[in-house]
Amino acid sequence: MIHPRVDELLENVDSRYALVIVAAKRARQINNYHHQLGEGTFDQFLPPLVESRSKNYLTMSLEEISEGKIKYTYPK
């Protein structure tokens, strides 16, 4: 079973396209944060905003979206 479910995720974003873009971008940020841990720098990227059982960065980002911890805006 996939968690969080897609229908739950779509309640917090405008479309499936937005979901994919936001989740992928946040997963890259989480990945960069974990690489910075080894280098001893913590400046640029936020740590994961949720406690996750998964070690997959995309799953972590989807859980953040599901809980409403990620907000986004469209550039004008």
PDB file of N, CA and C in Angstrom:
ATOM      1  N   MET A   1       0.829  -1.176   0.000  1.00  0.00           N
ATOM      2  CA  MET A   1       0.000   0.000   0.000  1.00  0.00           C
ATOM      3  C   MET A   1       0.875   1.240   0.000  1.00  0.00           C
ATOM      4  N   ILE A   2       0.554   2.182  -0.839  1.00  0.00           N
ATOM      5  CA  ILE A   2       1.319   3.412  -0.949  1.00  0.00           C
ATOM      6  C   ILE A   2       0.836   4.385   0.118  1.00  0.00           C
ATOM      7  N   HIS A   3       1.791   4.921   0.862  1.00  0.00           N
ATOM      8  CA  HIS A   3       1.440   5.911   1.871  1.00  0.00           C
ATOM      9  C   HIS A   3       2.352   7.114   1.716  1.00  0.00           C
ATOM     10  N   PRO A   4       1.880   8.291   1.681  1.00  0.00           N
ATOM     11  CA  PRO A   4       0.486   8.729   1.701  1.00  0.00           C
ATOM     12  C   PRO A   4      -0.191   8.506   0.357  1.00  0.00           C
ATOM     13  N   ARG A   5      -1.502   8.361   0.407  1.00  0.00           N
ATOM     14  CA  ARG A   5      -2.268   8.086  -0.800  1.00  0.00           C
ATOM     15  C   ARG A   5      -2.337   9.328  -1.687  1.00  0.00           C
ATOM     16  N   VAL A   6      -2.441   9.101  -2.979  1.00  0.00           N
ATOM     17  CA  VAL A   6      -2.455  10.200  -3.945  1.00  0.00           C
ATOM     18  C   VAL A   6      -3.650  11.115  -3.724  1.00  0.00           C
ATOM     19  N   ASP A   7      -4.808  10.560  -3.417  1.00  0.00           N
ATOM     20  CA  ASP A   7      -5.977  11.419  -3.211  1.00  0.00           C
ATOM     21  C   ASP A   7      -5.801  12.312  -1.980  1.00  0.00           C
ATOM     22  N   GLU A   8      -5.088  11.851  -0.961  1.00  0.00           N
ATOM     23  CA  GLU A   8      -4.786  12.689   0.195  1.00  0.00           C
ATOM     24  C   GLU A   8      -3.808  13.797  -0.176  1.00  0.00           C
ATOM     25  N   LEU A   9      -2.839  13.477  -1.010  1.00  0.00           N
ATOM     26  CA  LEU A   9      -1.853  14.462  -1.430  1.00  0.00           C
ATOM     27  C   LEU A   9      -2.470  15.561  -2.287  1.00  0.00           C
ATOM     28  N   LEU A  10      -3.419  15.185  -3.130  1.00  0.00           N
ATOM     29  CA  LEU A  10      -4.023  16.158  -4.039  1.00  0.00           C
ATOM     30  C   LEU A  10      -4.886  17.178  -3.299  1.00  0.00           C
ATOM     31  N   GLU A  11      -5.217  16.934  -2.041  1.00  0.00           N
ATOM     32  CA  GLU A  11      -5.950  17.914  -1.247  1.00  0.00           C
ATOM     33  C   GLU A  11      -5.071  19.114  -0.902  1.00  0.00           C
ATOM     34  N   ASN A  12      -3.741  18.941  -0.930  1.00  0.00           N
ATOM     35  CA  ASN A  12      -2.814  19.999  -0.538  1.00  0.00           C
ATOM     36  C   ASN A  12      -2.113  20.674  -1.703  1.00  0.00           C
ATOM     37  N   VAL A  13      -2.377  20.233  -2.930  1.00  0.00           N
ATOM     38  CA  VAL A  13      -1.769  20.843  -4.114  1.00  0.00           C
ATOM     39  C   VAL A  13      -2.841  21.058  -5.171  1.00  0.00           C
ATOM     40  N   ASP A  14      -2.499  21.839  -6.190  1.00  0.00           N
ATOM     41  CA  ASP A  14      -3.458  22.176  -7.239  1.00  0.00           C
ATOM     42  C   ASP A  14      -3.687  21.051  -8.243  1.00  0.00           C
ATOM     43  N   SER A  15      -2.619  20.316  -8.562  1.00  0.00           N
ATOM     44  CA  SER A  15      -2.726  19.306  -9.612  1.00  0.00           C
ATOM     45  C   SER A  15      -1.660  18.239  -9.412  1.00  0.00           C
ATOM     46  N   ARG A  16      -1.758  17.188 -10.182  1.00  0.00           N
ATOM     47  CA  ARG A  16      -0.745  16.134 -10.128  1.00  0.00           C
ATOM     48  C   ARG A  16       0.611  16.658 -10.594  1.00  0.00           C
ATOM     49  N   TYR A  17       0.572  17.552 -11.577  1.00  0.00           N
ATOM     50  CA  TYR A  17       1.813  18.146 -12.080  1.00  0.00           C
ATOM     51  C   TYR A  17       2.515  18.907 -10.955  1.00  0.00           C
ATOM     52  N   ALA A  18       1.773  19.734 -10.229  1.00  0.00           N
ATOM     53  CA  ALA A  18       2.347  20.492  -9.117  1.00  0.00           C
ATOM     54  C   ALA A  18       2.885  19.547  -8.049  1.00  0.00           C
ATOM     55  N   LEU A  19       2.175  18.466  -7.790  1.00  0.00           N
ATOM     56  CA  LEU A  19       2.614  17.478  -6.804  1.00  0.00           C
ATOM     57  C   LEU A  19       3.972  16.900  -7.183  1.00  0.00           C
ATOM     58  N   VAL A  20       4.129  16.532  -8.428  1.00  0.00           N
ATOM     59  CA  VAL A  20       5.391  15.937  -8.894  1.00  0.00           C
ATOM     60  C   VAL A  20       6.537  16.936  -8.777  1.00  0.00           C
ATOM     61  N   ILE A  21       6.298  18.168  -9.208  1.00  0.00           N
ATOM     62  CA  ILE A  21       7.352  19.183  -9.190  1.00  0.00           C
ATOM     63  C   ILE A  21       7.766  19.510  -7.746  1.00  0.00           C
ATOM     64  N   VAL A  22       6.785  19.759  -6.882  1.00  0.00           N
ATOM     65  CA  VAL A  22       7.080  20.121  -5.491  1.00  0.00           C
ATOM     66  C   VAL A  22       7.761  18.970  -4.763  1.00  0.00           C
ATOM     67  N   ALA A  23       7.267  17.758  -4.936  1.00  0.00           N
ATOM     68  CA  ALA A  23       7.854  16.597  -4.252  1.00  0.00           C
ATOM     69  C   ALA A  23       9.280  16.342  -4.717  1.00  0.00           C
ATOM     70  N   ALA A  24       9.536  16.441  -6.003  1.00  0.00           N
ATOM     71  CA  ALA A  24      10.883  16.194  -6.526  1.00  0.00           C
ATOM     72  C   ALA A  24      11.860  17.256  -6.032  1.00  0.00           C
ATOM     73  N   LYS A  25      11.430  18.510  -6.043  1.00  0.00           N
ATOM     74  CA  LYS A  25      12.313  19.583  -5.586  1.00  0.00           C
ATOM     75  C   LYS A  25      12.643  19.425  -4.101  1.00  0.00           C
ATOM     76  N   ARG A  26      11.644  19.101  -3.305  1.00  0.00           N
ATOM     77  CA  ARG A  26      11.885  18.928  -1.864  1.00  0.00           C
ATOM     78  C   ARG A  26      12.753  17.700  -1.596  1.00  0.00           C
ATOM     79  N   ALA A  27      12.563  16.630  -2.361  1.00  0.00           N
ATOM     80  CA  ALA A  27      13.399  15.433  -2.200  1.00  0.00           C
ATOM     81  C   ALA A  27      14.864  15.768  -2.485  1.00  0.00           C
ATOM     82  N   ARG A  28      15.130  16.597  -3.498  1.00  0.00           N
ATOM     83  CA  ARG A  28      16.500  17.023  -3.782  1.00  0.00           C
ATOM     84  C   ARG A  28      17.068  17.850  -2.632  1.00  0.00           C
ATOM     85  N   GLN A  29      16.234  18.696  -2.016  1.00  0.00           N
ATOM     86  CA  GLN A  29      16.688  19.493  -0.875  1.00  0.00           C
ATOM     87  C   GLN A  29      17.043  18.597   0.308  1.00  0.00           C
ATOM     88  N   ILE A  30      16.229  17.589   0.568  1.00  0.00           N
ATOM     89  CA  ILE A  30      16.515  16.656   1.667  1.00  0.00           C
ATOM     90  C   ILE A  30      17.796  15.882   1.378  1.00  0.00           C
ATOM     91  N   ASN A  31      17.986  15.464   0.140  1.00  0.00           N
ATOM     92  CA  ASN A  31      19.205  14.770  -0.264  1.00  0.00           C
ATOM     93  C   ASN A  31      20.425  15.658  -0.034  1.00  0.00           C
ATOM     94  N   ASN A  32      20.335  16.914  -0.445  1.00  0.00           N
ATOM     95  CA  ASN A  32      21.449  17.841  -0.253  1.00  0.00           C
ATOM     96  C   ASN A  32      21.721  18.078   1.231  1.00  0.00           C
ATOM     97  N   TYR A  33      20.684  18.136   2.046  1.00  0.00           N
ATOM     98  CA  TYR A  33      20.850  18.299   3.488  1.00  0.00           C
ATOM     99  C   TYR A  33      21.654  17.123   4.056  1.00  0.00           C
ATOM    100  N   HIS A  34      21.314  15.909   3.665  1.00  0.00           N
ATOM    101  CA  HIS A  34      22.026  14.735   4.190  1.00  0.00           C
ATOM    102  C   HIS A  34      23.470  14.692   3.711  1.00  0.00           C
ATOM    103  N   HIS A  35      23.740  15.194   2.523  1.00  0.00           N
ATOM    104  CA  HIS A  35      25.128  15.257   2.059  1.00  0.00           C
ATOM    105  C   HIS A  35      25.906  16.325   2.831  1.00  0.00           C
ATOM    106  N   GLN A  36      25.238  17.398   3.230  1.00  0.00           N
ATOM    107  CA  GLN A  36      25.898  18.438   4.009  1.00  0.00           C
ATOM    108  C   GLN A  36      26.260  17.952   5.412  1.00  0.00           C
ATOM    109  N   LEU A  37      25.506  17.009   5.936  1.00  0.00           N
ATOM    110  CA  LEU A  37      25.813  16.490   7.278  1.00  0.00           C
ATOM    111  C   LEU A  37      27.227  15.933   7.334  1.00  0.00           C
ATOM    112  N   GLY A  38      27.629  15.242   6.285  1.00  0.00           N
ATOM    113  CA  GLY A  38      28.968  14.668   6.239  1.00  0.00           C
ATOM    114  C   GLY A  38      30.048  15.722   6.108  1.00  0.00           C
ATOM    115  N   GLU A  39      29.705  16.871   5.537  1.00  0.00           N
ATOM    116  CA  GLU A  39      30.679  17.933   5.352  1.00  0.00           C
ATOM    117  C   GLU A  39      30.734  18.887   6.544  1.00  0.00           C
ATOM    118  N   GLY A  40      29.765  18.798   7.439  1.00  0.00           N
ATOM    119  CA  GLY A  40      29.756  19.648   8.620  1.00  0.00           C
ATOM    120  C   GLY A  40      29.145  21.016   8.402  1.00  0.00           C
ATOM    121  N   THR A  41      28.448  21.221   7.286  1.00  0.00           N
ATOM    122  CA  THR A  41      27.781  22.501   7.038  1.00  0.00           C
ATOM    123  C   THR A  41      26.279  22.287   7.095  1.00  0.00           C
ATOM    124  N   PHE A  42      25.564  23.256   7.639  1.00  0.00           N
ATOM    125  CA  PHE A  42      24.121  23.120   7.810  1.00  0.00           C
ATOM    126  C   PHE A  42      23.384  24.372   7.342  1.00  0.00           C
ATOM    127  N   ASP A  43      23.973  25.163   6.475  1.00  0.00           N
ATOM    128  CA  ASP A  43      23.442  26.475   6.151  1.00  0.00           C
ATOM    129  C   ASP A  43      22.246  26.466   5.214  1.00  0.00           C
ATOM    130  N   GLN A  44      22.354  25.801   4.087  1.00  0.00           N
ATOM    131  CA  GLN A  44      21.431  26.044   2.986  1.00  0.00           C
ATOM    132  C   GLN A  44      20.116  25.275   3.044  1.00  0.00           C
ATOM    133  N   PHE A  45      20.117  24.061   3.463  1.00  0.00           N
ATOM    134  CA  PHE A  45      18.942  23.210   3.317  1.00  0.00           C
ATOM    135  C   PHE A  45      18.368  22.804   4.672  1.00  0.00           C
ATOM    136  N   LEU A  46      17.040  22.794   4.732  1.00  0.00           N
ATOM    137  CA  LEU A  46      16.341  22.399   5.950  1.00  0.00           C
ATOM    138  C   LEU A  46      16.344  20.883   6.108  1.00  0.00           C
ATOM    139  N   PRO A  47      16.362  20.402   7.335  1.00  0.00           N
ATOM    140  CA  PRO A  47      16.236  18.957   7.553  1.00  0.00           C
ATOM    141  C   PRO A  47      14.804  18.517   7.247  1.00  0.00           C
ATOM    142  N   PRO A  48      14.565  17.226   7.166  1.00  0.00           N
ATOM    143  CA  PRO A  48      13.185  16.759   6.963  1.00  0.00           C
ATOM    144  C   PRO A  48      12.268  17.309   8.043  1.00  0.00           C
ATOM    145  N   LEU A  49      11.068  17.703   7.656  1.00  0.00           N
ATOM    146  CA  LEU A  49      10.128  18.344   8.571  1.00  0.00           C
ATOM    147  C   LEU A  49       9.199  17.347   9.251  1.00  0.00           C
ATOM    148  N   VAL A  50       9.315  16.074   8.928  1.00  0.00           N
ATOM    149  CA  VAL A  50       8.486  15.035   9.534  1.00  0.00           C
ATOM    150  C   VAL A  50       9.373  13.879   9.970  1.00  0.00           C
ATOM    151  N   GLU A  51       8.891  13.145  10.946  1.00  0.00           N
ATOM    152  CA  GLU A  51       9.546  11.897  11.340  1.00  0.00           C
ATOM    153  C   GLU A  51       9.015  10.805  10.422  1.00  0.00           C
ATOM    154  N   SER A  52       9.897  10.160   9.689  1.00  0.00           N
ATOM    155  CA  SER A  52       9.478   9.170   8.709  1.00  0.00           C
ATOM    156  C   SER A  52      10.123   7.826   9.005  1.00  0.00           C
ATOM    157  N   ARG A  53       9.383   6.765   8.751  1.00  0.00           N
ATOM    158  CA  ARG A  53       9.946   5.419   8.867  1.00  0.00           C
ATOM    159  C   ARG A  53      10.785   5.087   7.649  1.00  0.00           C
ATOM    160  N   SER A  54      10.552   5.830   6.571  1.00  0.00           N
ATOM    161  CA  SER A  54      11.242   5.571   5.316  1.00  0.00           C
ATOM    162  C   SER A  54      12.561   6.325   5.255  1.00  0.00           C
ATOM    163  N   LYS A  55      13.510   5.760   4.557  1.00  0.00           N
ATOM    164  CA  LYS A  55      14.770   6.442   4.299  1.00  0.00           C
ATOM    165  C   LYS A  55      14.801   7.011   2.880  1.00  0.00           C
ATOM    166  N   ASN A  56      13.704   6.865   2.168  1.00  0.00           N
ATOM    167  CA  ASN A  56      13.592   7.375   0.811  1.00  0.00           C
ATOM    168  C   ASN A  56      13.219   8.853   0.864  1.00  0.00           C
ATOM    169  N   TYR A  57      14.012   9.688   0.202  1.00  0.00           N
ATOM    170  CA  TYR A  57      13.806  11.130   0.272  1.00  0.00           C
ATOM    171  C   TYR A  57      12.501  11.563  -0.391  1.00  0.00           C
ATOM    172  N   LEU A  58      12.106  10.895  -1.456  1.00  0.00           N
ATOM    173  CA  LEU A  58      10.846  11.231  -2.109  1.00  0.00           C
ATOM    174  C   LEU A  58       9.662  10.917  -1.198  1.00  0.00           C
ATOM    175  N   THR A  59       9.716   9.805  -0.505  1.00  0.00           N
ATOM    176  CA  THR A  59       8.657   9.462   0.438  1.00  0.00           C
ATOM    177  C   THR A  59       8.586  10.486   1.558  1.00  0.00           C
ATOM    178  N   MET A  60       9.738  10.928   2.047  1.00  0.00           N
ATOM    179  CA  MET A  60       9.751  11.959   3.087  1.00  0.00           C
ATOM    180  C   MET A  60       9.090  13.240   2.585  1.00  0.00           C
ATOM    181  N   SER A  61       9.410  13.629   1.363  1.00  0.00           N
ATOM    182  CA  SER A  61       8.824  14.863   0.829  1.00  0.00           C
ATOM    183  C   SER A  61       7.321  14.712   0.628  1.00  0.00           C
ATOM    184  N   LEU A  62       6.858  13.550   0.200  1.00  0.00           N
ATOM    185  CA  LEU A  62       5.422  13.329   0.045  1.00  0.00           C
ATOM    186  C   LEU A  62       4.710  13.357   1.396  1.00  0.00           C
ATOM    187  N   GLU A  63       5.349  12.842   2.437  1.00  0.00           N
ATOM    188  CA  GLU A  63       4.766  12.896   3.778  1.00  0.00           C
ATOM    189  C   GLU A  63       4.680  14.342   4.270  1.00  0.00           C
ATOM    190  N   GLU A  64       5.688  15.150   3.947  1.00  0.00           N
ATOM    191  CA  GLU A  64       5.643  16.567   4.312  1.00  0.00           C
ATOM    192  C   GLU A  64       4.488  17.278   3.615  1.00  0.00           C
ATOM    193  N   ILE A  65       4.276  16.978   2.349  1.00  0.00           N
ATOM    194  CA  ILE A  65       3.171  17.571   1.603  1.00  0.00           C
ATOM    195  C   ILE A  65       1.844  17.116   2.186  1.00  0.00           C
ATOM    196  N   SER A  66       1.742  15.842   2.509  1.00  0.00           N
ATOM    197  CA  SER A  66       0.511  15.286   3.067  1.00  0.00           C
ATOM    198  C   SER A  66       0.126  15.968   4.379  1.00  0.00           C
ATOM    199  N   GLU A  67       1.114  16.298   5.196  1.00  0.00           N
ATOM    200  CA  GLU A  67       0.858  16.934   6.482  1.00  0.00           C
ATOM    201  C   GLU A  67       0.720  18.448   6.374  1.00  0.00           C
ATOM    202  N   GLY A  68       0.878  18.986   5.167  1.00  0.00           N
ATOM    203  CA  GLY A  68       0.711  20.419   4.961  1.00  0.00           C
ATOM    204  C   GLY A  68       1.896  21.259   5.407  1.00  0.00           C
ATOM    205  N   LYS A  69       3.060  20.659   5.515  1.00  0.00           N
ATOM    206  CA  LYS A  69       4.245  21.384   5.965  1.00  0.00           C
ATOM    207  C   LYS A  69       4.980  22.064   4.822  1.00  0.00           C
ATOM    208  N   ILE A  70       4.623  21.743   3.583  1.00  0.00           N
ATOM    209  CA  ILE A  70       5.247  22.342   2.410  1.00  0.00           C
ATOM    210  C   ILE A  70       4.214  23.223   1.712  1.00  0.00           C
ATOM    211  N   LYS A  71       4.588  24.471   1.498  1.00  0.00           N
ATOM    212  CA  LYS A  71       3.745  25.414   0.757  1.00  0.00           C
ATOM    213  C   LYS A  71       4.518  25.876  -0.473  1.00  0.00           C
ATOM    214  N   TYR A  72       3.811  26.194  -1.528  1.00  0.00           N
ATOM    215  CA  TYR A  72       4.468  26.660  -2.737  1.00  0.00           C
ATOM    216  C   TYR A  72       3.622  27.728  -3.386  1.00  0.00           C
ATOM    217  N   THR A  73       4.254  28.529  -4.221  1.00  0.00           N
ATOM    218  CA  THR A  73       3.545  29.552  -4.996  1.00  0.00           C
ATOM    219  C   THR A  73       4.042  29.492  -6.429  1.00  0.00           C
ATOM    220  N   TYR A  74       3.217  29.945  -7.337  1.00  0.00           N
ATOM    221  CA  TYR A  74       3.622  30.021  -8.725  1.00  0.00           C
ATOM    222  C   TYR A  74       4.303  31.354  -8.979  1.00  0.00           C
ATOM    223  N   PRO A  75       5.435  31.362  -9.662  1.00  0.00           N
ATOM    224  CA  PRO A  75       6.080  32.643  -9.980  1.00  0.00           C
ATOM    225  C   PRO A  75       5.243  33.408 -11.009  1.00  0.00           C
ATOM    226  N   LYS A  76       5.299  34.717 -10.905  1.00  0.00           N
ATOM    227  CA  LYS A  76       4.523  35.548 -11.835  1.00  0.00           C
ATOM    228  C   LYS A  76       5.336  35.964 -13.020  1.00  0.00           C
TER     229      LYS A  76
END
